[in-house]
Amino acid sequence: MINTRVDVSLPRFNMEESYDFGQHLINMGIVDAFSQQKANLLGISDKSLYVSKVVHKAIVEVNEDGTEAAAGTGVVIIPKMLPLSFKADHPFQFYITHTETNCILFSGKCISP
C-alpha cells in the first residue's frame, strides 16, 4: 500500500439511524429470550423478565470542530508537490475506523451533501 496525501473537503453533516434487531435475532435462533413463557433472565434480575425489543442507534456528526481537532495537533509537514484533492460535493460513502486495529466502527452513505 502506498500512502498518498489527499486534501479532503467534506460538507457538514449529521446522520442518525435507529434499528430494531429483534426480528433479526429471532430469525437467527435467539427465540426464548423474546418469549414471555420461555425467557430466563435470572442472571440479570430476580424479576420475571423477557426481551421485548433490541434497538441500536447510531449517530455520526461531521463539522468544523471535528476537522479542527483532527488537523490541530502537532506540526504538519507536506511534500513539495501539490497533494491530490477530493471535494465531497456529490454523494459519497464513508468509513470511520479504529486507528490501531483498522476495524470499521461506522460506515455510511451521504446521499445529498
PDB file of N, CA and C in Angstrom:
ATOM      1  N   MET A   1       0.839  -1.167   0.000  1.00  0.00           N
ATOM      2  CA  MET A   1       0.000   0.000   0.000  1.00  0.00           C
ATOM      3  C   MET A   1       0.887   1.233   0.000  1.00  0.00           C
ATOM      4  N   ILE A   2       0.556   2.196  -0.836  1.00  0.00           N
ATOM      5  CA  ILE A   2       1.301   3.445  -0.910  1.00  0.00           C
ATOM      6  C   ILE A   2       0.485   4.535  -0.233  1.00  0.00           C
ATOM      7  N   ASN A   3       1.092   5.229   0.733  1.00  0.00           N
ATOM      8  CA  ASN A   3       0.411   6.345   1.379  1.00  0.00           C
ATOM      9  C   ASN A   3       0.552   7.586   0.522  1.00  0.00           C
ATOM     10  N   THR A   4      -0.547   8.274   0.293  1.00  0.00           N
ATOM     11  CA  THR A   4      -0.556   9.495  -0.500  1.00  0.00           C
ATOM     12  C   THR A   4      -1.336  10.550   0.256  1.00  0.00           C
ATOM     13  N   ARG A   5      -0.804  11.746   0.293  1.00  0.00           N
ATOM     14  CA  ARG A   5      -1.514  12.847   0.944  1.00  0.00           C
ATOM     15  C   ARG A   5      -2.657  13.294   0.041  1.00  0.00           C
ATOM     16  N   VAL A   6      -3.829  13.458   0.655  1.00  0.00           N
ATOM     17  CA  VAL A   6      -5.015  13.916  -0.068  1.00  0.00           C
ATOM     18  C   VAL A   6      -5.703  14.972   0.784  1.00  0.00           C
ATOM     19  N   ASP A   7      -5.946  16.145   0.212  1.00  0.00           N
ATOM     20  CA  ASP A   7      -6.752  17.154   0.894  1.00  0.00           C
ATOM     21  C   ASP A   7      -8.212  16.818   0.658  1.00  0.00           C
ATOM     22  N   VAL A   8      -8.964  16.649   1.742  1.00  0.00           N
ATOM     23  CA  VAL A   8     -10.367  16.252   1.653  1.00  0.00           C
ATOM     24  C   VAL A   8     -11.244  17.386   2.162  1.00  0.00           C
ATOM     25  N   SER A   9     -12.242  17.755   1.374  1.00  0.00           N
ATOM     26  CA  SER A   9     -13.239  18.746   1.788  1.00  0.00           C
ATOM     27  C   SER A   9     -14.570  18.031   1.944  1.00  0.00           C
ATOM     28  N   LEU A  10     -15.087  18.019   3.170  1.00  0.00           N
ATOM     29  CA  LEU A  10     -16.367  17.365   3.447  1.00  0.00           C
ATOM     30  C   LEU A  10     -17.391  18.411   3.858  1.00  0.00           C
ATOM     31  N   PRO A  11     -18.639  18.205   3.490  1.00  0.00           N
ATOM     32  CA  PRO A  11     -19.684  19.100   3.986  1.00  0.00           C
ATOM     33  C   PRO A  11     -19.981  18.769   5.447  1.00  0.00           C
ATOM     34  N   ARG A  12     -20.568  19.709   6.161  1.00  0.00           N
ATOM     35  CA  ARG A  12     -21.068  19.385   7.494  1.00  0.00           C
ATOM     36  C   ARG A  12     -22.261  18.468   7.311  1.00  0.00           C
ATOM     37  N   PHE A  13     -22.298  17.397   8.077  1.00  0.00           N
ATOM     38  CA  PHE A  13     -23.477  16.544   8.021  1.00  0.00           C
ATOM     39  C   PHE A  13     -23.670  15.827   9.339  1.00  0.00           C
ATOM     40  N   ASN A  14     -24.908  15.442   9.558  1.00  0.00           N
ATOM     41  CA  ASN A  14     -25.296  14.749  10.772  1.00  0.00           C
ATOM     42  C   ASN A  14     -26.199  13.604  10.354  1.00  0.00           C
ATOM     43  N   MET A  15     -25.852  12.400  10.737  1.00  0.00           N
ATOM     44  CA  MET A  15     -26.658  11.229  10.403  1.00  0.00           C
ATOM     45  C   MET A  15     -27.065  10.533  11.689  1.00  0.00           C
ATOM     46  N   GLU A  16     -28.309  10.147  11.742  1.00  0.00           N
ATOM     47  CA  GLU A  16     -28.827   9.432  12.905  1.00  0.00           C
ATOM     48  C   GLU A  16     -29.737   8.331  12.396  1.00  0.00           C
ATOM     49  N   GLU A  17     -29.529   7.142  12.898  1.00  0.00           N
ATOM     50  CA  GLU A  17     -30.318   5.991  12.430  1.00  0.00           C
ATOM     51  C   GLU A  17     -30.570   5.051  13.596  1.00  0.00           C
ATOM     52  N   SER A  18     -31.768   4.528  13.640  1.00  0.00           N
ATOM     53  CA  SER A  18     -32.129   3.536  14.654  1.00  0.00           C
ATOM     54  C   SER A  18     -32.555   2.250  13.967  1.00  0.00           C
ATOM     55  N   TYR A  19     -32.202   1.140  14.560  1.00  0.00           N
ATOM     56  CA  TYR A  19     -32.537  -0.165  14.004  1.00  0.00           C
ATOM     57  C   TYR A  19     -33.140  -1.038  15.096  1.00  0.00           C
ATOM     58  N   ASP A  20     -34.180  -1.768  14.768  1.00  0.00           N
ATOM     59  CA  ASP A  20     -34.768  -2.751  15.679  1.00  0.00           C
ATOM     60  C   ASP A  20     -34.267  -4.121  15.226  1.00  0.00           C
ATOM     61  N   PHE A  21     -33.400  -4.730  16.025  1.00  0.00           N
ATOM     62  CA  PHE A  21     -32.786  -6.003  15.665  1.00  0.00           C
ATOM     63  C   PHE A  21     -33.550  -7.216  16.172  1.00  0.00           C
ATOM     64  N   GLY A  22     -34.677  -7.007  16.841  1.00  0.00           N
ATOM     65  CA  GLY A  22     -35.417  -8.112  17.444  1.00  0.00           C
ATOM     66  C   GLY A  22     -35.732  -9.233  16.482  1.00  0.00           C
ATOM     67  N   GLN A  23     -36.364  -8.916  15.370  1.00  0.00           N
ATOM     68  CA  GLN A  23     -36.753  -9.957  14.417  1.00  0.00           C
ATOM     69  C   GLN A  23     -35.529 -10.643  13.808  1.00  0.00           C
ATOM     70  N   HIS A  24     -34.454  -9.895  13.591  1.00  0.00           N
ATOM     71  CA  HIS A  24     -33.221 -10.495  13.056  1.00  0.00           C
ATOM     72  C   HIS A  24     -32.660 -11.527  14.035  1.00  0.00           C
ATOM     73  N   LEU A  25     -32.680 -11.202  15.317  1.00  0.00           N
ATOM     74  CA  LEU A  25     -32.178 -12.146  16.323  1.00  0.00           C
ATOM     75  C   LEU A  25     -33.066 -13.382  16.407  1.00  0.00           C
ATOM     76  N   ILE A  26     -34.377 -13.186  16.319  1.00  0.00           N
ATOM     77  CA  ILE A  26     -35.301 -14.326  16.309  1.00  0.00           C
ATOM     78  C   ILE A  26     -35.026 -15.209  15.098  1.00  0.00           C
ATOM     79  N   ASN A  27     -34.818 -14.587  13.936  1.00  0.00           N
ATOM     80  CA  ASN A  27     -34.510 -15.347  12.712  1.00  0.00           C
ATOM     81  C   ASN A  27     -33.207 -16.132  12.839  1.00  0.00           C
ATOM     82  N   MET A  28     -32.281 -15.641  13.663  1.00  0.00           N
ATOM     83  CA  MET A  28     -31.001 -16.329  13.868  1.00  0.00           C
ATOM     84  C   MET A  28     -31.099 -17.401  14.945  1.00  0.00           C
ATOM     85  N   GLY A  29     -32.281 -17.554  15.547  1.00  0.00           N
ATOM     86  CA  GLY A  29     -32.470 -18.633  16.508  1.00  0.00           C
ATOM     87  C   GLY A  29     -32.526 -18.212  17.963  1.00  0.00           C
ATOM     88  N   ILE A  30     -32.389 -16.930  18.239  1.00  0.00           N
ATOM     89  CA  ILE A  30     -32.487 -16.458  19.624  1.00  0.00           C
ATOM     90  C   ILE A  30     -33.961 -16.175  19.889  1.00  0.00           C
ATOM     91  N   VAL A  31     -34.688 -17.212  20.250  1.00  0.00           N
ATOM     92  CA  VAL A  31     -36.149 -17.143  20.340  1.00  0.00           C
ATOM     93  C   VAL A  31     -36.627 -17.059  21.786  1.00  0.00           C
ATOM     94  N   ASP A  32     -36.083 -17.888  22.665  1.00  0.00           N
ATOM     95  CA  ASP A  32     -36.585 -17.980  24.037  1.00  0.00           C
ATOM     96  C   ASP A  32     -36.531 -16.645  24.781  1.00  0.00           C
ATOM     97  N   ALA A  33     -35.499 -15.867  24.561  1.00  0.00           N
ATOM     98  CA  ALA A  33     -35.360 -14.594  25.276  1.00  0.00           C
ATOM     99  C   ALA A  33     -36.516 -13.640  24.980  1.00  0.00           C
ATOM    100  N   PHE A  34     -37.162 -13.804  23.814  1.00  0.00           N
ATOM    101  CA  PHE A  34     -38.269 -12.937  23.414  1.00  0.00           C
ATOM    102  C   PHE A  34     -39.632 -13.490  23.847  1.00  0.00           C
ATOM    103  N   SER A  35     -39.656 -14.647  24.458  1.00  0.00           N
ATOM    104  CA  SER A  35     -40.907 -15.303  24.850  1.00  0.00           C
ATOM    105  C   SER A  35     -41.217 -15.037  26.323  1.00  0.00           C
ATOM    106  N   GLN A  36     -42.437 -14.555  26.604  1.00  0.00           N
ATOM    107  CA  GLN A  36     -42.836 -14.330  27.999  1.00  0.00           C
ATOM    108  C   GLN A  36     -42.837 -15.635  28.787  1.00  0.00           C
ATOM    109  N   GLN A  37     -43.113 -16.737  28.120  1.00  0.00           N
ATOM    110  CA  GLN A  37     -43.190 -18.026  28.800  1.00  0.00           C
ATOM    111  C   GLN A  37     -41.821 -18.689  28.964  1.00  0.00           C
ATOM    112  N   LYS A  38     -40.925 -18.550  27.986  1.00  0.00           N
ATOM    113  CA  LYS A  38     -39.672 -19.310  27.987  1.00  0.00           C
ATOM    114  C   LYS A  38     -38.442 -18.520  28.436  1.00  0.00           C
ATOM    115  N   ALA A  39     -38.516 -17.200  28.454  1.00  0.00           N
ATOM    116  CA  ALA A  39     -37.329 -16.391  28.779  1.00  0.00           C
ATOM    117  C   ALA A  39     -36.847 -16.681  30.196  1.00  0.00           C
ATOM    118  N   ASN A  40     -35.524 -16.792  30.335  1.00  0.00           N
ATOM    119  CA  ASN A  40     -34.914 -16.997  31.646  1.00  0.00           C
ATOM    120  C   ASN A  40     -33.759 -16.007  31.771  1.00  0.00           C
ATOM    121  N   LEU A  41     -34.053 -14.861  32.340  1.00  0.00           N
ATOM    122  CA  LEU A  41     -33.043 -13.820  32.502  1.00  0.00           C
ATOM    123  C   LEU A  41     -32.723 -13.606  33.983  1.00  0.00           C
ATOM    124  N   LEU A  42     -32.734 -14.695  34.752  1.00  0.00           N
ATOM    125  CA  LEU A  42     -32.499 -14.609  36.192  1.00  0.00           C
ATOM    126  C   LEU A  42     -31.093 -14.116  36.529  1.00  0.00           C
ATOM    127  N   GLY A  43     -30.155 -14.233  35.623  1.00  0.00           N
ATOM    128  CA  GLY A  43     -28.808 -13.713  35.864  1.00  0.00           C
ATOM    129  C   GLY A  43     -28.764 -12.192  35.829  1.00  0.00           C
ATOM    130  N   ILE A  44     -29.790 -11.567  35.277  1.00  0.00           N
ATOM    131  CA  ILE A  44     -29.857 -10.107  35.188  1.00  0.00           C
ATOM    132  C   ILE A  44     -30.650  -9.526  36.353  1.00  0.00           C
ATOM    133  N   SER A  45     -31.740 -10.189  36.709  1.00  0.00           N
ATOM    134  CA  SER A  45     -32.631  -9.690  37.758  1.00  0.00           C
ATOM    135  C   SER A  45     -33.392 -10.862  38.365  1.00  0.00           C
ATOM    136  N   ASP A  46     -33.869 -10.669  39.588  1.00  0.00           N
ATOM    137  CA  ASP A  46     -34.681 -11.727  40.195  1.00  0.00           C
ATOM    138  C   ASP A  46     -36.146 -11.606  39.785  1.00  0.00           C
ATOM    139  N   LYS A  47     -36.467 -10.582  38.998  1.00  0.00           N
ATOM    140  CA  LYS A  47     -37.825 -10.416  38.484  1.00  0.00           C
ATOM    141  C   LYS A  47     -37.993 -11.251  37.222  1.00  0.00           C
ATOM    142  N   SER A  48     -39.221 -11.528  36.874  1.00  0.00           N
ATOM    143  CA  SER A  48     -39.513 -12.285  35.656  1.00  0.00           C
ATOM    144  C   SER A  48     -39.449 -11.331  34.464  1.00  0.00           C
ATOM    145  N   LEU A  49     -38.389 -11.447  33.681  1.00  0.00           N
ATOM    146  CA  LEU A  49     -38.156 -10.543  32.552  1.00  0.00           C
ATOM    147  C   LEU A  49     -38.091 -11.313  31.245  1.00  0.00           C
ATOM    148  N   TYR A  50     -38.377 -10.602  30.151  1.00  0.00           N
ATOM    149  CA  TYR A  50     -38.132 -11.122  28.810  1.00  0.00           C
ATOM    150  C   TYR A  50     -37.755  -9.948  27.917  1.00  0.00           C
ATOM    151  N   VAL A  51     -37.147 -10.223  26.793  1.00  0.00           N
ATOM    152  CA  VAL A  51     -36.717  -9.180  25.863  1.00  0.00           C
ATOM    153  C   VAL A  51     -37.893  -8.837  24.957  1.00  0.00           C
ATOM    154  N   SER A  52     -38.261  -7.565  24.921  1.00  0.00           N
ATOM    155  CA  SER A  52     -39.345  -7.154  24.030  1.00  0.00           C
ATOM    156  C   SER A  52     -38.809  -6.463  22.784  1.00  0.00           C
ATOM    157  N   LYS A  53     -37.636  -5.818  22.884  1.00  0.00           N
ATOM    158  CA  LYS A  53     -37.059  -5.097  21.753  1.00  0.00           C
ATOM    159  C   LYS A  53     -35.547  -5.057  21.896  1.00  0.00           C
ATOM    160  N   VAL A  54     -34.857  -5.041  20.782  1.00  0.00           N
ATOM    161  CA  VAL A  54     -33.419  -4.798  20.756  1.00  0.00           C
ATOM    162  C   VAL A  54     -33.208  -3.679  19.746  1.00  0.00           C
ATOM    163  N   VAL A  55     -32.862  -2.504  20.253  1.00  0.00           N
ATOM    164  CA  VAL A  55     -32.740  -1.326  19.396  1.00  0.00           C
ATOM    165  C   VAL A  55     -31.295  -0.848  19.410  1.00  0.00           C
ATOM    166  N   HIS A  56     -30.783  -0.533  18.232  1.00  0.00           N
ATOM    167  CA  HIS A  56     -29.444   0.031  18.088  1.00  0.00           C
ATOM    168  C   HIS A  56     -29.598   1.403  17.456  1.00  0.00           C
ATOM    169  N   LYS A  57     -28.913   2.397  18.007  1.00  0.00           N
ATOM    170  CA  LYS A  57     -28.977   3.748  17.458  1.00  0.00           C
ATOM    171  C   LYS A  57     -27.557   4.224  17.193  1.00  0.00           C
ATOM    172  N   ALA A  58     -27.330   4.767  16.028  1.00  0.00           N
ATOM    173  CA  ALA A  58     -26.011   5.277  15.657  1.00  0.00           C
ATOM    174  C   ALA A  58     -26.138   6.731  15.227  1.00  0.00           C
ATOM    175  N   ILE A  59     -25.187   7.545  15.666  1.00  0.00           N
ATOM    176  CA  ILE A  59     -25.158   8.957  15.295  1.00  0.00           C
ATOM    177  C   ILE A  59     -23.750   9.278  14.813  1.00  0.00           C
ATOM    178  N   VAL A  60     -23.654   9.922  13.669  1.00  0.00           N
ATOM    179  CA  VAL A  60     -22.374  10.385  13.144  1.00  0.00           C
ATOM    180  C   VAL A  60     -22.538  11.854  12.794  1.00  0.00           C
ATOM    181  N   GLU A  61     -21.649  12.694  13.311  1.00  0.00           N
ATOM    182  CA  GLU A  61     -21.705  14.124  13.011  1.00  0.00           C
ATOM    183  C   GLU A  61     -20.329  14.578  12.554  1.00  0.00           C
ATOM    184  N   VAL A  62     -20.291  15.254  11.438  1.00  0.00           N
ATOM    185  CA  VAL A  62     -19.043  15.805  10.911  1.00  0.00           C
ATOM    186  C   VAL A  62     -19.239  17.312  10.813  1.00  0.00           C
ATOM    187  N   ASN A  63     -18.360  18.067  11.460  1.00  0.00           N
ATOM    188  CA  ASN A  63     -18.443  19.525  11.384  1.00  0.00           C
ATOM    189  C   ASN A  63     -17.049  20.127  11.506  1.00  0.00           C
ATOM    190  N   GLU A  64     -17.016  21.458  11.580  1.00  0.00           N
ATOM    191  CA  GLU A  64     -15.730  22.150  11.638  1.00  0.00           C
ATOM    192  C   GLU A  64     -14.927  21.770  12.878  1.00  0.00           C
ATOM    193  N   ASP A  65     -15.587  21.559  13.995  1.00  0.00           N
ATOM    194  CA  ASP A  65     -14.869  21.219  15.219  1.00  0.00           C
ATOM    195  C   ASP A  65     -14.131  19.897  15.081  1.00  0.00           C
ATOM    196  N   GLY A  66     -14.763  18.938  14.442  1.00  0.00           N
ATOM    197  CA  GLY A  66     -14.107  17.654  14.215  1.00  0.00           C
ATOM    198  C   GLY A  66     -12.891  17.801  13.325  1.00  0.00           C
ATOM    199  N   THR A  67     -13.001  18.619  12.311  1.00  0.00           N
ATOM    200  CA  THR A  67     -11.883  18.845  11.398  1.00  0.00           C
ATOM    201  C   THR A  67     -10.757  19.587  12.105  1.00  0.00           C
ATOM    202  N   GLU A  68     -11.109  20.588  12.886  1.00  0.00           N
ATOM    203  CA  GLU A  68     -10.078  21.343  13.604  1.00  0.00           C
ATOM    204  C   GLU A  68      -9.341  20.458  14.600  1.00  0.00           C
ATOM    205  N   ALA A  69     -10.061  19.611  15.307  1.00  0.00           N
ATOM    206  CA  ALA A  69      -9.424  18.737  16.290  1.00  0.00           C
ATOM    207  C   ALA A  69      -8.467  17.768  15.616  1.00  0.00           C
ATOM    208  N   ALA A  70      -8.857  17.261  14.440  1.00  0.00           N
ATOM    209  CA  ALA A  70      -8.005  16.303  13.741  1.00  0.00           C
ATOM    210  C   ALA A  70      -6.786  16.982  13.143  1.00  0.00           C
ATOM    211  N   ALA A  71      -6.953  18.224  12.676  1.00  0.00           N
ATOM    212  CA  ALA A  71      -5.861  18.905  11.981  1.00  0.00           C
ATOM    213  C   ALA A  71      -5.023  19.767  12.912  1.00  0.00           C
ATOM    214  N   GLY A  72      -5.492  20.009  14.145  1.00  0.00           N
ATOM    215  CA  GLY A  72      -4.827  20.964  15.015  1.00  0.00           C
ATOM    216  C   GLY A  72      -3.788  20.374  15.938  1.00  0.00           C
ATOM    217  N   THR A  73      -3.352  19.171  15.709  1.00  0.00           N
ATOM    218  CA  THR A  73      -2.381  18.565  16.615  1.00  0.00           C
ATOM    219  C   THR A  73      -1.018  18.494  15.956  1.00  0.00           C
ATOM    220  N   GLY A  74      -0.029  19.081  16.601  1.00  0.00           N
ATOM    221  CA  GLY A  74       1.344  18.959  16.141  1.00  0.00           C
ATOM    222  C   GLY A  74       1.659  19.774  14.905  1.00  0.00           C
ATOM    223  N   VAL A  75       2.748  19.415  14.276  1.00  0.00           N
ATOM    224  CA  VAL A  75       3.243  20.097  13.091  1.00  0.00           C
ATOM    225  C   VAL A  75       2.885  19.274  11.872  1.00  0.00           C
ATOM    226  N   VAL A  76       2.436  19.961  10.833  1.00  0.00           N
ATOM    227  CA  VAL A  76       2.108  19.274   9.587  1.00  0.00           C
ATOM    228  C   VAL A  76       3.219  19.540   8.589  1.00  0.00           C
ATOM    229  N   ILE A  77       3.812  18.489   8.089  1.00  0.00           N
ATOM    230  CA  ILE A  77       4.858  18.606   7.073  1.00  0.00           C
ATOM    231  C   ILE A  77       4.297  18.036   5.789  1.00  0.00           C
ATOM    232  N   ILE A  78       4.336  18.838   4.737  1.00  0.00           N
ATOM    233  CA  ILE A  78       3.756  18.392   3.472  1.00  0.00           C
ATOM    234  C   ILE A  78       4.841  18.277   2.412  1.00  0.00           C
ATOM    235  N   PRO A  79       4.616  17.427   1.440  1.00  0.00           N
ATOM    236  CA  PRO A  79       5.595  17.304   0.359  1.00  0.00           C
ATOM    237  C   PRO A  79       5.587  18.553  -0.516  1.00  0.00           C
ATOM    238  N   LYS A  80       6.648  18.742  -1.267  1.00  0.00           N
ATOM    239  CA  LYS A  80       6.746  19.916  -2.126  1.00  0.00           C
ATOM    240  C   LYS A  80       5.763  19.866  -3.285  1.00  0.00           C
ATOM    241  N   MET A  81       5.387  18.677  -3.718  1.00  0.00           N
ATOM    242  CA  MET A  81       4.396  18.597  -4.790  1.00  0.00           C
ATOM    243  C   MET A  81       3.005  18.799  -4.198  1.00  0.00           C
ATOM    244  N   LEU A  82       2.085  19.313  -4.986  1.00  0.00           N
ATOM    245  CA  LEU A  82       0.731  19.568  -4.512  1.00  0.00           C
ATOM    246  C   LEU A  82       0.008  18.256  -4.235  1.00  0.00           C
ATOM    247  N   PRO A  83      -0.746  18.198  -3.141  1.00  0.00           N
ATOM    248  CA  PRO A  83      -1.482  16.968  -2.843  1.00  0.00           C
ATOM    249  C   PRO A  83      -2.692  16.809  -3.753  1.00  0.00           C
ATOM    250  N   LEU A  84      -3.169  15.580  -3.836  1.00  0.00           N
ATOM    251  CA  LEU A  84      -4.421  15.338  -4.533  1.00  0.00           C
ATOM    252  C   LEU A  84      -5.537  16.006  -3.748  1.00  0.00           C
ATOM    253  N   SER A  85      -6.637  16.283  -4.419  1.00  0.00           N
ATOM    254  CA  SER A  85      -7.744  16.957  -3.758  1.00  0.00           C
ATOM    255  C   SER A  85      -9.029  16.177  -3.988  1.00  0.00           C
ATOM    256  N   PHE A  86      -9.837  16.070  -2.942  1.00  0.00           N
ATOM    257  CA  PHE A  86     -11.134  15.404  -3.042  1.00  0.00           C
ATOM    258  C   PHE A  86     -12.156  16.293  -2.370  1.00  0.00           C
ATOM    259  N   LYS A  87     -13.130  16.770  -3.121  1.00  0.00           N
ATOM    260  CA  LYS A  87     -14.198  17.598  -2.570  1.00  0.00           C
ATOM    261  C   LYS A  87     -15.489  16.808  -2.641  1.00  0.00           C
ATOM    262  N   ALA A  88     -16.069  16.530  -1.496  1.00  0.00           N
ATOM    263  CA  ALA A  88     -17.279  15.702  -1.428  1.00  0.00           C
ATOM    264  C   ALA A  88     -18.511  16.570  -1.654  1.00  0.00           C
ATOM    265  N   ASP A  89     -18.705  17.022  -2.891  1.00  0.00           N
ATOM    266  CA  ASP A  89     -19.887  17.810  -3.238  1.00  0.00           C
ATOM    267  C   ASP A  89     -20.877  16.961  -4.033  1.00  0.00           C
ATOM    268  N   HIS A  90     -20.763  15.669  -3.863  1.00  0.00           N
ATOM    269  CA  HIS A  90     -21.623  14.692  -4.530  1.00  0.00           C
ATOM    270  C   HIS A  90     -21.822  13.528  -3.543  1.00  0.00           C
ATOM    271  N   PRO A  91     -22.740  12.623  -3.806  1.00  0.00           N
ATOM    272  CA  PRO A  91     -22.931  11.501  -2.875  1.00  0.00           C
ATOM    273  C   PRO A  91     -21.621  10.735  -2.647  1.00  0.00           C
ATOM    274  N   PHE A  92     -21.407  10.334  -1.402  1.00  0.00           N
ATOM    275  CA  PHE A  92     -20.189   9.594  -1.083  1.00  0.00           C
ATOM    276  C   PHE A  92     -20.464   8.618   0.050  1.00  0.00           C
ATOM    277  N   GLN A  93     -19.589   7.633   0.169  1.00  0.00           N
ATOM    278  CA  GLN A  93     -19.645   6.665   1.257  1.00  0.00           C
ATOM    279  C   GLN A  93     -18.452   6.927   2.160  1.00  0.00           C
ATOM    280  N   PHE A  94     -18.645   6.751   3.474  1.00  0.00           N
ATOM    281  CA  PHE A  94     -17.546   6.988   4.400  1.00  0.00           C
ATOM    282  C   PHE A  94     -17.427   5.838   5.394  1.00  0.00           C
ATOM    283  N   TYR A  95     -16.238   5.715   5.943  1.00  0.00           N
ATOM    284  CA  TYR A  95     -15.948   4.724   6.978  1.00  0.00           C
ATOM    285  C   TYR A  95     -15.200   5.419   8.101  1.00  0.00           C
ATOM    286  N   ILE A  96     -15.542   5.086   9.328  1.00  0.00           N
ATOM    287  CA  ILE A  96     -14.777   5.536  10.486  1.00  0.00           C
ATOM    288  C   ILE A  96     -14.123   4.284  11.058  1.00  0.00           C
ATOM    289  N   THR A  97     -12.782   4.306  11.089  1.00  0.00           N
ATOM    290  CA  THR A  97     -12.054   3.112  11.511  1.00  0.00           C
ATOM    291  C   THR A  97     -11.276   3.371  12.798  1.00  0.00           C
ATOM    292  N   HIS A  98     -11.012   2.301  13.515  1.00  0.00           N
ATOM    293  CA  HIS A  98     -10.162   2.339  14.703  1.00  0.00           C
ATOM    294  C   HIS A  98      -8.725   2.333  14.211  1.00  0.00           C
ATOM    295  N   THR A  99      -7.952   3.338  14.588  1.00  0.00           N
ATOM    296  CA  THR A  99      -6.606   3.509  14.049  1.00  0.00           C
ATOM    297  C   THR A  99      -5.702   2.315  14.324  1.00  0.00           C
ATOM    298  N   GLU A 100      -5.713   1.804  15.538  1.00  0.00           N
ATOM    299  CA  GLU A 100      -4.776   0.741  15.904  1.00  0.00           C
ATOM    300  C   GLU A 100      -5.098  -0.595  15.245  1.00  0.00           C
ATOM    301  N   THR A 101      -6.381  -0.916  15.105  1.00  0.00           N
ATOM    302  CA  THR A 101      -6.756  -2.229  14.569  1.00  0.00           C
ATOM    303  C   THR A 101      -7.259  -2.169  13.135  1.00  0.00           C
ATOM    304  N   ASN A 102      -7.511  -0.965  12.637  1.00  0.00           N
ATOM    305  CA  ASN A 102      -8.062  -0.751  11.296  1.00  0.00           C
ATOM    306  C   ASN A 102      -9.450  -1.386  11.140  1.00  0.00           C
ATOM    307  N   CYS A 103     -10.139  -1.627  12.250  1.00  0.00           N
ATOM    308  CA  CYS A 103     -11.503  -2.172  12.206  1.00  0.00           C
ATOM    309  C   CYS A 103     -12.494  -1.054  11.906  1.00  0.00           C
ATOM    310  N   ILE A 104     -13.491  -1.355  11.100  1.00  0.00           N
ATOM    311  CA  ILE A 104     -14.522  -0.376  10.771  1.00  0.00           C
ATOM    312  C   ILE A 104     -15.484  -0.268  11.947  1.00  0.00           C
ATOM    313  N   LEU A 105     -15.632   0.945  12.490  1.00  0.00           N
ATOM    314  CA  LEU A 105     -16.548   1.199  13.595  1.00  0.00           C
ATOM    315  C   LEU A 105     -17.899   1.685  13.091  1.00  0.00           C
ATOM    316  N   PHE A 106     -17.896   2.523  12.072  1.00  0.00           N
ATOM    317  CA  PHE A 106     -19.107   3.043  11.450  1.00  0.00           C
ATOM    318  C   PHE A 106     -18.901   3.104   9.951  1.00  0.00           C
ATOM    319  N   SER A 107     -19.971   2.896   9.206  1.00  0.00           N
ATOM    320  CA  SER A 107     -19.944   3.162   7.772  1.00  0.00           C
ATOM    321  C   SER A 107     -21.271   3.802   7.419  1.00  0.00           C
ATOM    322  N   GLY A 108     -21.259   4.621   6.387  1.00  0.00           N
ATOM    323  CA  GLY A 108     -22.494   5.292   6.000  1.00  0.00           C
ATOM    324  C   GLY A 108     -22.395   5.870   4.609  1.00  0.00           C
ATOM    325  N   LYS A 109     -23.542   6.315   4.113  1.00  0.00           N
ATOM    326  CA  LYS A 109     -23.603   6.974   2.813  1.00  0.00           C
ATOM    327  C   LYS A 109     -24.230   8.342   3.002  1.00  0.00           C
ATOM    328  N   CYS A 110     -23.623   9.355   2.439  1.00  0.00           N
ATOM    329  CA  CYS A 110     -24.191  10.699   2.425  1.00  0.00           C
ATOM    330  C   CYS A 110     -24.729  10.900   1.009  1.00  0.00           C
ATOM    331  N   ILE A 111     -26.045  10.893   0.872  1.00  0.00           N
ATOM    332  CA  ILE A 111     -26.668  10.930  -0.455  1.00  0.00           C
ATOM    333  C   ILE A 111     -26.726  12.339  -1.023  1.00  0.00           C
ATOM    334  N   SER A 112     -27.062  13.327  -0.195  1.00  0.00           N
ATOM    335  CA  SER A 112     -27.163  14.699  -0.705  1.00  0.00           C
ATOM    336  C   SER A 112     -26.394  15.651   0.210  1.00  0.00           C
ATOM    337  N   PRO A 113     -25.085  15.766  -0.035  1.00  0.00           N
ATOM    338  CA  PRO A 113     -24.246  16.633   0.814  1.00  0.00           C
ATOM    339  C   PRO A 113     -24.574  18.114   0.618  1.00  0.00           C
TER     340      PRO A 113
END
